[in-house]
C-alpha atoms as a PDB file:
ATOM      1  CA  MET A   1       0.000   0.000   0.000  1.00  0.00           C
ATOM      2  CA  LYS A   2       2.182   2.813  -1.277  1.00  0.00           C
ATOM      3  CA  LEU A   3      -0.757   5.184  -1.304  1.00  0.00           C
ATOM      4  CA  LEU A   4      -1.121   5.225   2.471  1.00  0.00           C
ATOM      5  CA  PRO A   5       2.127   7.141   3.260  1.00  0.00           C
ATOM      6  CA  ALA A   6       1.378   9.659   0.514  1.00  0.00           C
ATOM      7  CA  SER A   7      -2.140  10.133   1.830  1.00  0.00           C
ATOM      8  CA  ALA A   8      -0.842  10.595   5.355  1.00  0.00           C
ATOM      9  CA  ALA A   9       1.668  13.201   4.175  1.00  0.00           C
ATOM     10  CA  ALA A  10      -1.004  15.054   2.217  1.00  0.00           C
ATOM     11  CA  LEU A  11      -3.301  15.072   5.236  1.00  0.00           C
ATOM     12  CA  ALA A  12      -0.534  16.344   7.520  1.00  0.00           C
ATOM     13  CA  LEU A  13       0.260  19.139   5.076  1.00  0.00           C
ATOM     14  CA  ALA A  14      -3.393  20.107   4.727  1.00  0.00           C
ATOM     15  CA  VAL A  15      -3.737  20.329   8.498  1.00  0.00           C
ATOM     16  CA  ALA A  16      -0.493  22.296   8.949  1.00  0.00           C
ATOM     17  CA  LEU A  17      -0.980  24.917   6.220  1.00  0.00           C
ATOM     18  CA  PRO A  18      -3.651  26.994   7.986  1.00  0.00           C
ATOM     19  CA  VAL A  19      -1.230  27.454  10.909  1.00  0.00           C
ATOM     20  CA  PHE A  20       1.015  29.677   8.780  1.00  0.00           C
ATOM     21  CA  ALA A  21      -0.359  33.185   8.836  1.00  0.00           C
ATOM     22  CA  ASN A  22      -0.179  35.669   6.012  1.00  0.00           C
ATOM     23  CA  ALA A  23       1.506  38.958   6.814  1.00  0.00           C
ATOM     24  CA  THR A  24      -0.366  42.161   6.165  1.00  0.00           C
ATOM     25  CA  LYS A  25       0.702  44.928   3.802  1.00  0.00           C
ATOM     26  CA  ASP A  26       1.679  47.088   6.781  1.00  0.00           C
ATOM     27  CA  GLU A  27       3.836  44.282   8.183  1.00  0.00           C
ATOM     28  CA  ALA A  28       5.555  43.897   4.801  1.00  0.00           C
ATOM     29  CA  VAL A  29       6.269  47.631   4.610  1.00  0.00           C
ATOM     30  CA  ALA A  30       7.614  47.579   8.175  1.00  0.00           C
ATOM     31  CA  MET A  31       9.888  44.631   7.345  1.00  0.00           C
ATOM     32  CA  VAL A  32      11.303  46.473   4.319  1.00  0.00           C
ATOM     33  CA  LYS A  33      11.910  49.587   6.416  1.00  0.00           C
ATOM     34  CA  LYS A  34      13.618  47.438   9.047  1.00  0.00           C
ATOM     35  CA  GLY A  35      15.850  45.917   6.356  1.00  0.00           C
ATOM     36  CA  VAL A  36      16.742  49.310   4.875  1.00  0.00           C
ATOM     37  CA  ALA A  37      17.604  50.662   8.331  1.00  0.00           C
ATOM     38  CA  PHE A  38      19.728  47.584   9.046  1.00  0.00           C
ATOM     39  CA  ILE A  39      21.605  48.036   5.760  1.00  0.00           C
ATOM     40  CA  GLY A  40      22.217  51.710   6.568  1.00  0.00           C
ATOM     41  CA  ALA A  41      23.520  50.924  10.045  1.00  0.00           C
ATOM     42  CA  ASN A  42      25.544  47.788   9.285  1.00  0.00           C
ATOM     43  CA  GLY A  43      26.444  47.778   5.585  1.00  0.00           C
ATOM     44  CA  SER A  44      25.211  45.545   2.806  1.00  0.00           C
ATOM     45  CA  ASP A  45      27.450  42.529   3.512  1.00  0.00           C
ATOM     46  CA  LYS A  46      26.366  42.174   7.130  1.00  0.00           C
ATOM     47  CA  ALA A  47      22.750  42.937   6.205  1.00  0.00           C
ATOM     48  CA  TYR A  48      22.670  40.265   3.493  1.00  0.00           C
ATOM     49  CA  ALA A  49      24.033  37.729   5.972  1.00  0.00           C
ATOM     50  CA  ALA A  50      21.453  38.701   8.602  1.00  0.00           C
ATOM     51  CA  ILE A  51      18.497  38.816   6.209  1.00  0.00           C
ATOM     52  CA  THR A  52      19.264  35.413   4.675  1.00  0.00           C
ATOM     53  CA  ALA A  53      20.161  33.756   7.997  1.00  0.00           C
ATOM     54  CA  LYS A  54      17.900  31.186   9.558  1.00  0.00           C
ATOM     55  CA  ASP A  55      17.300  33.266  12.688  1.00  0.00           C
ATOM     56  CA  LYS A  56      14.017  35.066  13.119  1.00  0.00           C
ATOM     57  CA  GLU A  57      15.150  38.688  12.989  1.00  0.00           C
ATOM     58  CA  PHE A  58      13.874  39.155   9.423  1.00  0.00           C
ATOM     59  CA  VAL A  59      11.137  36.488   9.389  1.00  0.00           C
ATOM     60  CA  LYS A  60       7.490  37.309   9.992  1.00  0.00           C
ATOM     61  CA  ASP A  61       4.718  34.908   9.003  1.00  0.00           C
ATOM     62  CA  ASP A  62       5.122  34.419   5.248  1.00  0.00           C
ATOM     63  CA  LEU A  63       7.587  37.274   4.722  1.00  0.00           C
END
């Protein structure tokens, strides 16, 4: 029964997806402003590293 694991994975994904919230337009604008300020204060190399890092400083919902 190869279909059972695929069905279980699909069900788990369907249940988990509503948990992820969508950011608002205002939150997106605020995140961009935060990034621009970080670049201005720290330079583009450090900012790129921080923005693409796996920490949560530049992560908000689906942004």
